[in-house]
Protein backbone atom coordinates (compact mmCIF):
# COMPACT_ATOMS: atom_id res chain seq x y z
CA UNK A 1 166.29 62.21 43.98
CA UNK A 2 164.44 62.74 47.24
CA UNK A 3 161.40 60.78 48.33
CA UNK A 4 158.06 62.48 47.57
CA UNK A 5 155.30 62.66 50.15
CA UNK A 6 151.82 63.63 48.90
CA UNK A 7 149.32 65.00 51.44
CA UNK A 8 146.08 66.96 51.57
CA UNK A 9 146.23 70.40 53.19
CA UNK A 10 145.51 69.97 56.91
CA UNK A 11 146.46 66.28 56.97
CA UNK A 12 149.74 66.66 58.90
CA UNK A 13 150.90 69.02 61.65
CA UNK A 14 153.53 71.72 61.09
CA UNK A 15 156.00 69.58 63.07
CA UNK A 16 155.33 66.54 60.87
CA UNK A 17 155.79 68.57 57.68
CA UNK A 18 159.02 70.19 58.93
CA UNK A 19 160.38 66.81 60.11
CA UNK A 20 159.71 65.31 56.66
CA UNK A 21 161.43 68.25 54.95
CA UNK A 22 164.44 68.01 57.27
CA UNK A 23 164.62 64.27 56.49
CA UNK A 24 165.01 65.13 52.80
CA UNK A 25 161.49 64.48 51.60
CA UNK A 26 159.85 66.68 49.00
CA UNK A 27 156.20 67.29 49.94
CA UNK A 28 153.35 67.84 47.51
CA UNK A 29 150.37 69.44 49.23
CA UNK A 30 147.00 69.33 47.51
CA UNK A 31 145.12 72.55 48.26
CA UNK A 32 141.84 74.08 47.16
CA UNK A 33 141.94 77.76 46.24
CA UNK A 34 138.92 79.63 44.87
CA UNK A 35 137.16 76.37 44.08
CA UNK A 36 140.05 74.86 42.11
CA UNK A 37 142.54 72.19 43.18
CA UNK A 38 146.23 73.11 43.11
CA UNK A 39 149.49 71.42 44.07
CA UNK A 40 152.10 73.14 46.23
CA UNK A 41 155.62 71.72 46.46
CA UNK A 42 157.56 72.09 49.72
CA UNK A 43 161.25 71.20 49.89
CA UNK A 44 164.46 71.85 51.78
CA UNK A 45 167.83 71.83 50.03
CA UNK A 46 169.93 71.80 53.21
CA UNK A 47 170.22 75.60 53.32
CA UNK A 48 166.92 77.10 52.17
CA UNK A 49 163.29 76.04 52.52
CA UNK A 50 161.22 76.38 49.34
CA UNK A 51 157.46 76.69 48.92
CA UNK A 52 156.55 76.47 45.23
CA UNK A 53 152.95 77.52 44.55
CA UNK A 54 151.25 77.74 41.14
CA UNK A 55 151.91 81.50 41.09
CA UNK A 56 155.06 82.08 43.18
CA UNK A 57 158.17 80.54 44.72
CA UNK A 58 158.67 81.52 48.36
CA UNK A 59 162.07 80.99 49.96
CA UNK A 60 162.75 80.89 53.68
CA UNK A 61 166.24 81.09 55.14
CA UNK A 62 165.34 79.24 58.33
CA UNK A 63 162.92 76.73 59.81
CA UNK A 64 161.02 79.43 61.67
CA UNK A 65 160.16 81.21 58.41
CA UNK A 66 158.98 77.97 56.81
CA UNK A 67 156.86 77.10 59.85
CA UNK A 68 155.20 80.50 59.63
CA UNK A 69 154.50 80.07 55.91
CA UNK A 70 153.04 76.57 56.35
CA UNK A 71 150.84 77.80 59.18
CA UNK A 72 149.72 81.02 57.46
CA UNK A 73 148.90 79.28 54.17
CA UNK A 74 146.88 76.56 55.89
CA UNK A 75 148.96 73.60 54.68
CA UNK A 76 149.15 72.04 58.17
CA UNK A 77 146.53 70.68 60.55
CA UNK A 78 145.20 73.22 63.00
CA UNK A 79 146.52 72.62 66.50
């Protein structure tokens, strides 16, 4: 089983999150949405990047797609 990294949204940069995923870590991001705390799981299986939210599972075929998702959803630190 892969190592789990737990972070708050905005704690790490997009590069740091992608590097951790590419190193095989599963990332749990604590986010606040509409006043409630939620957990989002990010992972990479070697072929596809996954972003598992409380309401949906997003899949991205490449690193560029995952970077865009992380940035758009506000999981990474603003640069």
